[in-house]
N, C-alpha and C. Protein backbone atom coordinates (compact mmCIF):
# COMPACT_ATOMS: atom_id res chain seq x y z
N MET A 1 31.86 -1.61 -57.56
CA MET A 1 31.36 -0.25 -57.59
C MET A 1 30.27 -0.08 -56.52
N ILE A 2 30.30 1.00 -55.82
CA ILE A 2 29.34 1.27 -54.75
C ILE A 2 28.10 1.93 -55.35
N THR A 3 26.94 1.35 -55.07
CA THR A 3 25.68 1.92 -55.55
C THR A 3 25.24 3.03 -54.61
N LYS A 4 24.23 3.77 -55.02
CA LYS A 4 23.73 4.90 -54.22
C LYS A 4 23.24 4.45 -52.83
N PRO A 5 22.41 3.38 -52.70
CA PRO A 5 21.98 2.95 -51.36
C PRO A 5 23.16 2.50 -50.49
N GLN A 6 24.15 1.81 -51.10
CA GLN A 6 25.31 1.38 -50.32
C GLN A 6 26.09 2.60 -49.84
N SER A 7 26.22 3.58 -50.70
CA SER A 7 26.94 4.80 -50.35
C SER A 7 26.28 5.50 -49.17
N ILE A 8 24.95 5.58 -49.19
CA ILE A 8 24.22 6.20 -48.08
C ILE A 8 24.43 5.41 -46.80
N TYR A 9 24.39 4.06 -46.90
CA TYR A 9 24.59 3.22 -45.72
C TYR A 9 25.99 3.41 -45.16
N ILE A 10 27.00 3.44 -46.03
CA ILE A 10 28.38 3.62 -45.58
C ILE A 10 28.53 4.98 -44.89
N SER A 11 27.94 6.01 -45.47
CA SER A 11 28.01 7.34 -44.86
C SER A 11 27.32 7.36 -43.51
N TYR A 12 26.17 6.70 -43.41
CA TYR A 12 25.44 6.64 -42.14
C TYR A 12 26.25 5.88 -41.10
N ALA A 13 26.82 4.73 -41.50
CA ALA A 13 27.62 3.93 -40.57
C ALA A 13 28.82 4.74 -40.09
N TYR A 14 29.45 5.47 -40.99
CA TYR A 14 30.59 6.31 -40.64
C TYR A 14 30.17 7.37 -39.62
N LEU A 15 29.05 8.01 -39.85
CA LEU A 15 28.54 9.03 -38.94
C LEU A 15 28.28 8.44 -37.55
N ILE A 16 27.67 7.25 -37.52
CA ILE A 16 27.39 6.59 -36.23
C ILE A 16 28.69 6.30 -35.50
N TYR A 17 29.70 5.75 -36.21
CA TYR A 17 30.98 5.43 -35.57
C TYR A 17 31.64 6.69 -35.03
N MET A 18 31.66 7.76 -35.80
CA MET A 18 32.36 8.97 -35.39
C MET A 18 31.70 9.61 -34.17
N THR A 19 30.40 9.49 -34.04
CA THR A 19 29.73 10.11 -32.90
C THR A 19 29.86 9.25 -31.64
N LYS A 20 30.34 8.04 -31.76
CA LYS A 20 30.49 7.17 -30.59
C LYS A 20 31.92 7.09 -30.11
N GLY A 21 32.75 8.04 -30.46
CA GLY A 21 34.10 8.09 -29.94
C GLY A 21 35.16 7.43 -30.81
N TYR A 22 34.77 6.89 -31.94
CA TYR A 22 35.76 6.27 -32.82
C TYR A 22 36.62 7.36 -33.45
N GLN A 23 37.86 7.03 -33.72
CA GLN A 23 38.79 7.98 -34.32
C GLN A 23 39.09 7.55 -35.75
N LYS A 24 39.24 8.51 -36.61
CA LYS A 24 39.50 8.22 -38.02
C LYS A 24 40.94 8.56 -38.35
N GLU A 25 41.63 7.63 -38.97
CA GLU A 25 42.96 7.85 -39.51
C GLU A 25 42.85 7.81 -41.03
N HIS A 26 43.94 7.90 -41.69
CA HIS A 26 43.93 7.89 -43.16
C HIS A 26 43.36 6.58 -43.72
N THR A 27 43.71 5.47 -43.11
CA THR A 27 43.29 4.17 -43.66
C THR A 27 42.43 3.34 -42.72
N CYS A 28 42.06 3.86 -41.58
CA CYS A 28 41.26 3.05 -40.66
C CYS A 28 40.43 3.91 -39.70
N VAL A 29 39.43 3.27 -39.15
CA VAL A 29 38.63 3.86 -38.08
C VAL A 29 38.85 2.96 -36.87
N HIS A 30 39.12 3.55 -35.71
CA HIS A 30 39.49 2.73 -34.56
C HIS A 30 39.01 3.33 -33.24
N LEU A 31 39.00 2.47 -32.25
CA LEU A 31 38.75 2.87 -30.86
C LEU A 31 39.56 1.91 -30.00
N LEU A 32 40.72 2.37 -29.55
CA LEU A 32 41.61 1.55 -28.74
C LEU A 32 41.79 2.22 -27.39
N ASN A 33 41.13 1.67 -26.39
CA ASN A 33 41.25 2.17 -25.03
C ASN A 33 41.97 1.13 -24.20
N TYR A 34 42.99 1.55 -23.47
CA TYR A 34 43.76 0.65 -22.62
C TYR A 34 43.67 1.11 -21.17
N HIS A 35 43.53 0.15 -20.29
CA HIS A 35 43.61 0.40 -18.85
C HIS A 35 44.92 -0.21 -18.36
N PHE A 36 45.84 0.64 -17.93
CA PHE A 36 47.13 0.19 -17.42
C PHE A 36 47.18 0.38 -15.91
N VAL A 37 47.84 -0.55 -15.23
CA VAL A 37 48.13 -0.42 -13.80
C VAL A 37 49.59 -0.84 -13.63
N TRP A 38 50.37 -0.01 -12.93
CA TRP A 38 51.75 -0.38 -12.63
C TRP A 38 52.17 0.21 -11.30
N CYS A 39 53.23 -0.37 -10.72
CA CYS A 39 53.63 -0.05 -9.34
C CYS A 39 55.10 0.36 -9.26
N PRO A 40 55.43 1.13 -8.22
CA PRO A 40 56.85 1.37 -7.95
C PRO A 40 57.52 0.09 -7.47
N ARG A 41 58.80 0.02 -7.63
CA ARG A 41 59.58 -1.13 -7.16
C ARG A 41 59.29 -1.38 -5.68
N TYR A 42 59.11 -2.62 -5.32
CA TYR A 42 58.79 -3.07 -3.96
C TYR A 42 57.46 -2.51 -3.45
N ARG A 43 56.67 -1.98 -4.35
CA ARG A 43 55.37 -1.36 -4.06
C ARG A 43 55.46 -0.34 -2.92
N ARG A 44 56.52 0.40 -2.93
CA ARG A 44 56.72 1.44 -1.91
C ARG A 44 55.74 2.58 -2.13
N LYS A 45 55.33 3.21 -1.05
CA LYS A 45 54.37 4.32 -1.11
C LYS A 45 55.12 5.64 -1.35
N LEU A 46 55.60 5.78 -2.58
CA LEU A 46 56.42 6.95 -2.95
C LEU A 46 55.64 8.05 -3.64
N LEU A 47 54.51 7.71 -4.23
CA LEU A 47 53.82 8.61 -5.15
C LEU A 47 52.87 9.54 -4.41
N GLN A 48 53.47 10.47 -3.67
CA GLN A 48 52.71 11.42 -2.87
C GLN A 48 53.32 12.81 -3.01
N GLY A 49 52.55 13.82 -2.69
CA GLY A 49 53.05 15.20 -2.68
C GLY A 49 53.56 15.67 -4.03
N LYS A 50 54.77 16.26 -4.01
CA LYS A 50 55.35 16.83 -5.23
C LYS A 50 55.68 15.76 -6.26
N ILE A 51 56.05 14.56 -5.81
CA ILE A 51 56.34 13.47 -6.75
C ILE A 51 55.07 13.09 -7.50
N LYS A 52 53.96 13.01 -6.80
CA LYS A 52 52.67 12.68 -7.43
C LYS A 52 52.29 13.75 -8.46
N GLU A 53 52.39 15.02 -8.08
CA GLU A 53 52.04 16.12 -8.98
C GLU A 53 52.91 16.09 -10.24
N ARG A 54 54.21 15.88 -10.04
CA ARG A 54 55.13 15.86 -11.18
C ARG A 54 54.87 14.64 -12.07
N LEU A 55 54.56 13.50 -11.46
CA LEU A 55 54.26 12.29 -12.23
C LEU A 55 53.04 12.50 -13.12
N ILE A 56 52.00 13.09 -12.58
CA ILE A 56 50.80 13.37 -13.37
C ILE A 56 51.14 14.25 -14.57
N HIS A 57 51.91 15.30 -14.33
CA HIS A 57 52.31 16.20 -15.41
C HIS A 57 53.14 15.46 -16.47
N LEU A 58 54.07 14.60 -16.04
CA LEU A 58 54.93 13.87 -16.98
C LEU A 58 54.12 12.88 -17.82
N ILE A 59 53.16 12.20 -17.20
CA ILE A 59 52.32 11.26 -17.96
C ILE A 59 51.49 12.02 -18.99
N GLN A 60 50.93 13.16 -18.60
CA GLN A 60 50.16 13.97 -19.55
C GLN A 60 51.04 14.45 -20.70
N GLU A 61 52.25 14.84 -20.38
CA GLU A 61 53.19 15.31 -21.38
C GLU A 61 53.52 14.20 -22.38
N LYS A 62 53.80 13.00 -21.88
CA LYS A 62 54.16 11.87 -22.75
C LYS A 62 52.96 11.44 -23.60
N ALA A 63 51.77 11.45 -23.02
CA ALA A 63 50.57 11.09 -23.78
C ALA A 63 50.37 12.06 -24.94
N LYS A 64 50.55 13.33 -24.68
CA LYS A 64 50.41 14.34 -25.73
C LYS A 64 51.46 14.11 -26.81
N ASP A 65 52.68 13.81 -26.41
CA ASP A 65 53.77 13.55 -27.34
C ASP A 65 53.46 12.34 -28.24
N LYS A 66 52.81 11.32 -27.69
CA LYS A 66 52.47 10.10 -28.45
C LYS A 66 51.12 10.24 -29.16
N GLU A 67 50.50 11.41 -29.08
CA GLU A 67 49.19 11.69 -29.69
C GLU A 67 48.11 10.75 -29.13
N CYS A 68 48.18 10.52 -27.84
CA CYS A 68 47.18 9.72 -27.12
C CYS A 68 46.35 10.66 -26.25
N ARG A 69 45.18 10.21 -25.85
CA ARG A 69 44.32 11.03 -25.01
C ARG A 69 44.06 10.28 -23.70
N ILE A 70 44.33 10.92 -22.59
CA ILE A 70 44.09 10.32 -21.28
C ILE A 70 42.61 10.47 -20.96
N LEU A 71 41.96 9.35 -20.69
CA LEU A 71 40.56 9.37 -20.31
C LEU A 71 40.43 9.50 -18.79
N THR A 72 41.26 8.76 -18.07
CA THR A 72 41.30 8.83 -16.60
C THR A 72 42.71 8.52 -16.13
N LEU A 73 43.17 9.24 -15.13
CA LEU A 73 44.48 8.99 -14.53
C LEU A 73 44.33 9.12 -13.03
N GLU A 74 44.73 8.09 -12.31
CA GLU A 74 44.68 8.12 -10.85
C GLU A 74 46.01 7.62 -10.31
N VAL A 75 46.69 8.47 -9.57
CA VAL A 75 47.97 8.11 -8.96
C VAL A 75 47.73 7.86 -7.48
N MET A 76 47.91 6.62 -7.08
CA MET A 76 47.79 6.22 -5.67
C MET A 76 49.19 6.20 -5.07
N PRO A 77 49.34 6.17 -3.75
CA PRO A 77 50.68 6.17 -3.16
C PRO A 77 51.56 5.01 -3.63
N ASP A 78 50.95 3.84 -3.92
CA ASP A 78 51.76 2.67 -4.28
C ASP A 78 51.44 2.06 -5.64
N HIS A 79 50.60 2.70 -6.46
CA HIS A 79 50.34 2.23 -7.82
C HIS A 79 49.61 3.30 -8.63
N ASN A 80 49.58 3.09 -9.94
CA ASN A 80 48.95 4.04 -10.87
C ASN A 80 47.90 3.35 -11.70
N HIS A 81 46.83 4.06 -12.01
CA HIS A 81 45.82 3.61 -12.97
C HIS A 81 45.79 4.64 -14.10
N LEU A 82 45.90 4.15 -15.33
CA LEU A 82 45.85 5.02 -16.50
C LEU A 82 44.90 4.41 -17.51
N PHE A 83 43.85 5.15 -17.86
CA PHE A 83 42.90 4.74 -18.90
C PHE A 83 43.13 5.71 -20.05
N ILE A 84 43.61 5.18 -21.17
CA ILE A 84 44.11 6.01 -22.25
C ILE A 84 43.64 5.47 -23.60
N THR A 85 43.39 6.36 -24.52
CA THR A 85 43.06 5.94 -25.88
C THR A 85 44.27 6.20 -26.77
N SER A 86 44.52 5.26 -27.67
CA SER A 86 45.74 5.29 -28.46
C SER A 86 45.46 5.00 -29.93
N LYS A 87 46.45 5.24 -30.75
CA LYS A 87 46.35 4.92 -32.19
C LYS A 87 46.81 3.47 -32.40
N PRO A 88 46.35 2.85 -33.49
CA PRO A 88 46.71 1.44 -33.73
C PRO A 88 48.18 1.22 -34.08
N ILE A 89 48.91 2.27 -34.41
CA ILE A 89 50.32 2.07 -34.74
C ILE A 89 51.20 1.96 -33.50
N ILE A 90 50.63 2.21 -32.32
CA ILE A 90 51.39 2.11 -31.07
C ILE A 90 50.89 0.88 -30.31
N SER A 91 51.77 -0.07 -30.08
CA SER A 91 51.37 -1.26 -29.32
C SER A 91 51.25 -0.89 -27.84
N PRO A 92 50.40 -1.61 -27.10
CA PRO A 92 50.27 -1.31 -25.67
C PRO A 92 51.60 -1.44 -24.93
N ASN A 93 52.40 -2.44 -25.30
CA ASN A 93 53.69 -2.65 -24.66
C ASN A 93 54.63 -1.46 -24.90
N LYS A 94 54.65 -0.97 -26.09
CA LYS A 94 55.50 0.18 -26.43
C LYS A 94 55.01 1.44 -25.70
N LEU A 95 53.70 1.63 -25.66
CA LEU A 95 53.13 2.80 -25.01
C LEU A 95 53.48 2.85 -23.52
N ILE A 96 53.21 1.77 -22.80
CA ILE A 96 53.49 1.77 -21.36
C ILE A 96 54.99 1.78 -21.10
N GLY A 97 55.76 1.15 -21.97
CA GLY A 97 57.21 1.16 -21.82
C GLY A 97 57.78 2.57 -21.92
N GLU A 98 57.26 3.33 -22.87
CA GLU A 98 57.74 4.71 -23.02
C GLU A 98 57.28 5.60 -21.87
N ILE A 99 56.06 5.40 -21.41
CA ILE A 99 55.57 6.20 -20.27
C ILE A 99 56.38 5.89 -19.02
N LYS A 100 56.57 4.61 -18.73
CA LYS A 100 57.34 4.23 -17.54
C LYS A 100 58.79 4.67 -17.65
N GLY A 101 59.39 4.50 -18.82
CA GLY A 101 60.79 4.89 -19.00
C GLY A 101 61.00 6.39 -18.85
N TYR A 102 60.15 7.15 -19.49
CA TYR A 102 60.25 8.62 -19.43
C TYR A 102 60.02 9.14 -18.02
N THR A 103 58.95 8.65 -17.38
CA THR A 103 58.64 9.15 -16.03
C THR A 103 59.72 8.74 -15.02
N SER A 104 60.25 7.54 -15.16
CA SER A 104 61.31 7.10 -14.26
C SER A 104 62.55 7.97 -14.41
N TYR A 105 62.95 8.19 -15.65
CA TYR A 105 64.14 9.00 -15.92
C TYR A 105 63.99 10.41 -15.35
N MET A 106 62.86 11.04 -15.64
CA MET A 106 62.66 12.42 -15.22
C MET A 106 62.49 12.54 -13.70
N LEU A 107 61.72 11.64 -13.09
CA LEU A 107 61.51 11.72 -11.64
C LEU A 107 62.80 11.46 -10.87
N ARG A 108 63.59 10.49 -11.31
CA ARG A 108 64.85 10.18 -10.62
C ARG A 108 65.86 11.32 -10.81
N LYS A 109 65.76 12.03 -11.90
CA LYS A 109 66.63 13.19 -12.16
C LYS A 109 66.25 14.36 -11.26
N GLU A 110 64.94 14.55 -11.04
CA GLU A 110 64.45 15.70 -10.27
C GLU A 110 64.35 15.45 -8.77
N PHE A 111 64.20 14.17 -8.37
CA PHE A 111 64.06 13.83 -6.95
C PHE A 111 65.16 12.83 -6.57
N PRO A 112 66.28 13.33 -6.04
CA PRO A 112 67.43 12.46 -5.74
C PRO A 112 67.11 11.32 -4.76
N GLU A 113 66.10 11.49 -3.91
CA GLU A 113 65.75 10.41 -2.97
C GLU A 113 65.29 9.14 -3.68
N LEU A 114 64.85 9.27 -4.93
CA LEU A 114 64.42 8.10 -5.70
C LEU A 114 65.60 7.30 -6.25
N LEU A 115 66.80 7.88 -6.19
CA LEU A 115 67.98 7.19 -6.70
C LEU A 115 68.44 6.07 -5.77
N LYS A 116 67.91 6.01 -4.55
CA LYS A 116 68.27 4.95 -3.60
C LYS A 116 67.77 3.59 -4.07
N MET A 117 66.71 3.60 -4.85
CA MET A 117 66.15 2.35 -5.37
C MET A 117 66.86 1.98 -6.68
N PRO A 118 67.01 0.68 -6.97
CA PRO A 118 67.68 0.29 -8.23
C PRO A 118 66.91 0.77 -9.47
N THR A 119 65.58 0.73 -9.42
CA THR A 119 64.72 1.26 -10.48
C THR A 119 63.48 1.83 -9.82
N LEU A 120 62.81 2.74 -10.50
CA LEU A 120 61.60 3.33 -9.92
C LEU A 120 60.42 2.38 -10.06
N TRP A 121 60.23 1.82 -11.27
CA TRP A 121 59.07 0.97 -11.53
C TRP A 121 59.45 -0.50 -11.58
N THR A 122 58.50 -1.35 -11.27
CA THR A 122 58.70 -2.78 -11.51
C THR A 122 58.68 -3.00 -13.03
N ARG A 123 59.16 -4.15 -13.47
CA ARG A 123 59.14 -4.43 -14.90
C ARG A 123 57.74 -4.83 -15.37
N SER A 124 56.89 -5.23 -14.45
CA SER A 124 55.56 -5.73 -14.83
C SER A 124 54.52 -4.62 -14.86
N TYR A 125 53.39 -4.94 -15.47
CA TYR A 125 52.25 -4.03 -15.51
C TYR A 125 51.02 -4.85 -15.87
N PHE A 126 49.85 -4.29 -15.64
CA PHE A 126 48.58 -4.89 -16.03
C PHE A 126 48.02 -4.05 -17.16
N VAL A 127 47.44 -4.71 -18.17
CA VAL A 127 46.76 -3.99 -19.24
C VAL A 127 45.50 -4.73 -19.62
N SER A 128 44.46 -3.96 -19.87
CA SER A 128 43.19 -4.51 -20.33
C SER A 128 42.63 -3.55 -21.37
N THR A 129 41.88 -4.10 -22.32
CA THR A 129 41.27 -3.24 -23.33
C THR A 129 39.82 -2.99 -22.97
N ALA A 130 39.31 -1.89 -23.45
CA ALA A 130 37.90 -1.56 -23.22
C ALA A 130 37.40 -0.81 -24.45
N GLY A 131 36.16 -1.07 -24.80
CA GLY A 131 35.59 -0.40 -25.96
C GLY A 131 34.13 -0.11 -25.76
N LYS A 132 33.45 0.19 -26.85
CA LYS A 132 32.04 0.52 -26.79
C LYS A 132 31.14 -0.70 -26.90
N VAL A 133 31.70 -1.82 -27.36
CA VAL A 133 30.90 -3.01 -27.61
C VAL A 133 31.42 -4.15 -26.73
N SER A 134 30.53 -4.92 -26.14
CA SER A 134 30.95 -6.00 -25.26
C SER A 134 31.43 -7.21 -26.06
N GLN A 135 32.16 -8.07 -25.40
CA GLN A 135 32.67 -9.30 -26.01
C GLN A 135 31.51 -10.16 -26.52
N PHE A 136 30.44 -10.22 -25.77
CA PHE A 136 29.27 -11.02 -26.15
C PHE A 136 28.68 -10.53 -27.47
N ILE A 137 28.55 -9.23 -27.63
CA ILE A 137 27.97 -8.66 -28.85
C ILE A 137 28.86 -8.96 -30.05
N ILE A 138 30.15 -8.85 -29.89
CA ILE A 138 31.08 -9.15 -30.99
C ILE A 138 30.98 -10.62 -31.39
N GLN A 139 30.93 -11.52 -30.41
CA GLN A 139 30.81 -12.95 -30.72
C GLN A 139 29.51 -13.22 -31.47
N LYS A 140 28.42 -12.64 -31.03
CA LYS A 140 27.13 -12.82 -31.71
C LYS A 140 27.19 -12.28 -33.14
N TYR A 141 27.81 -11.13 -33.32
CA TYR A 141 27.92 -10.53 -34.64
C TYR A 141 28.70 -11.46 -35.59
N ILE A 142 29.81 -12.01 -35.12
CA ILE A 142 30.61 -12.91 -35.95
C ILE A 142 29.85 -14.19 -36.26
N GLU A 143 29.17 -14.75 -35.28
CA GLU A 143 28.40 -15.97 -35.48
C GLU A 143 27.27 -15.77 -36.50
N GLU A 144 26.70 -14.57 -36.56
CA GLU A 144 25.57 -14.28 -37.44
C GLU A 144 25.99 -14.00 -38.88
N GLN A 145 27.27 -13.90 -39.15
CA GLN A 145 27.72 -13.55 -40.49
C GLN A 145 27.26 -14.53 -41.57
N TYR A 146 27.32 -15.82 -41.29
CA TYR A 146 26.92 -16.83 -42.30
C TYR A 146 25.41 -16.94 -42.44
N LYS A 147 24.68 -16.41 -41.50
CA LYS A 147 23.21 -16.50 -41.54
C LYS A 147 22.59 -15.41 -42.38
N ARG A 148 23.35 -14.47 -42.86
CA ARG A 148 22.82 -13.35 -43.66
C ARG A 148 22.48 -13.77 -45.05
């Protein structure tokens, strides 16, 4: 049973988390930010002009469809950077796979010059996580648990 002081502490902790960008779901509170980088096949400088504009729109469309929020998106001529926040039910692999698959399909359908390549994107990608707390702070917090 939660006592009155514990209840106040839990409410305060919840308030602090919510104001720092954490998202609340039915059964969890989370903050999952992913930094993705991926390239066109053979790292060709294809992502310019109308293709770049359409790619940005397609990525935004897919992110909205997956209920994700784009924090930063930068399309360079030969690679993309996407910093996105996601829900815990979507794995990073599934998220980037759907974005790459959808954008490849739509861009190759709308721009016939892209059909000359066997695929638009390479199979590989880079992903890194980022949050509000550093790795050092988390390690210290875990180490201090038995000292309480």
